[in-house]
Amino acid sequence: MPWELGVADGYKGLTKIALFPASDSAHEQAWASWEYLGLYRRIVWGDLQGHQKRVWMVLDEKRNTATELSEWLAGE
């Protein structure tokens, strides 16, 4: 996976890549301890301001912001 991320990062840049981590626990954060994985935004399910229902969103933990996944995919 590091190689694939490196190639994508070179073509797209950090802001155009989002990880979809999968784990047995909803709160599992061990994957983020791998230094390079913590650089990227991630796709999460949750409450997003301005939406009445829970949505899939792209979370930027460094900036504490999120964008609805469909908007992010459309190039916002």
Protein backbone atom coordinates (compact mmCIF):
# COMPACT_ATOMS: atom_id res chain seq x y z
CA MET A 1 0.00 0.00 0.00
CA PRO A 2 2.77 2.55 0.64
CA TRP A 3 3.89 2.30 -2.98
CA GLU A 4 0.38 2.80 -4.38
CA LEU A 5 -0.19 5.81 -2.14
CA GLY A 6 3.12 7.28 -3.22
CA VAL A 7 2.19 6.98 -6.89
CA ALA A 8 -1.28 8.48 -6.33
CA ASP A 9 0.16 11.26 -4.19
CA GLY A 10 2.61 12.14 -6.95
CA TYR A 11 -0.20 12.43 -9.50
CA LYS A 12 -3.00 13.88 -7.39
CA GLY A 13 -1.52 15.47 -4.25
CA LEU A 14 -2.60 15.03 -0.64
CA THR A 15 -5.95 16.83 -0.94
CA LYS A 16 -7.25 14.49 -3.66
CA ILE A 17 -6.63 11.25 -1.74
CA ALA A 18 -8.84 9.80 0.98
CA LEU A 19 -8.38 6.48 2.74
CA PHE A 20 -11.20 4.14 3.64
CA PRO A 21 -9.84 2.28 6.66
CA ALA A 22 -11.56 -0.95 7.63
CA SER A 23 -11.23 -2.53 11.05
CA ASP A 24 -13.07 -4.79 13.45
CA SER A 25 -13.68 -1.87 15.82
CA ALA A 26 -15.40 1.37 14.89
CA HIS A 27 -12.86 3.27 16.98
CA GLU A 28 -9.71 1.44 15.84
CA GLN A 29 -7.03 4.04 15.17
CA ALA A 30 -3.93 1.81 15.08
CA TRP A 31 -3.66 2.24 11.31
CA ALA A 32 -3.11 5.99 11.77
CA SER A 33 0.03 5.30 13.80
CA TRP A 34 1.76 4.41 10.53
CA GLU A 35 3.24 7.80 9.84
CA TYR A 36 2.41 8.04 6.14
CA LEU A 37 -1.25 7.02 6.61
CA GLY A 38 -1.84 9.91 8.99
CA LEU A 39 -1.04 12.33 6.16
CA TYR A 40 -4.24 11.57 4.27
CA ARG A 41 -7.89 12.36 4.77
CA ARG A 42 -10.19 9.46 5.52
CA ILE A 43 -13.69 8.41 4.63
CA VAL A 44 -16.00 8.02 7.65
CA TRP A 45 -19.69 7.58 8.43
CA GLY A 46 -21.13 10.12 10.83
CA ASP A 47 -22.92 13.34 11.65
CA LEU A 48 -22.01 16.31 9.48
CA GLN A 49 -23.14 19.82 10.26
CA GLY A 50 -25.90 20.95 7.91
CA HIS A 51 -27.23 17.42 7.31
CA GLN A 52 -30.18 15.92 9.12
CA LYS A 53 -29.06 12.32 8.65
CA ARG A 54 -25.68 10.65 9.01
CA VAL A 55 -23.61 10.69 5.84
CA TRP A 56 -20.40 9.37 4.36
CA MET A 57 -17.84 12.15 4.50
CA VAL A 58 -14.18 12.87 3.89
CA LEU A 59 -12.63 13.92 7.18
CA ASP A 60 -9.56 16.14 7.44
CA GLU A 61 -8.56 15.65 11.06
CA LYS A 62 -5.71 18.15 10.88
CA ARG A 63 -8.10 20.99 9.98
CA ASN A 64 -11.08 19.51 11.85
CA THR A 65 -13.24 19.78 8.72
CA ALA A 66 -15.30 17.37 6.64
CA THR A 67 -16.97 17.32 3.24
CA GLU A 68 -19.82 15.06 2.18
CA LEU A 69 -18.29 12.23 0.15
CA SER A 70 -20.41 12.83 -2.96
CA GLU A 71 -19.33 16.49 -3.02
CA TRP A 72 -15.70 15.59 -2.51
CA LEU A 73 -15.83 13.03 -5.34
CA ALA A 74 -17.43 15.60 -7.66
CA GLY A 75 -14.37 17.79 -7.22
CA GLU A 76 -16.09 20.34 -5.00
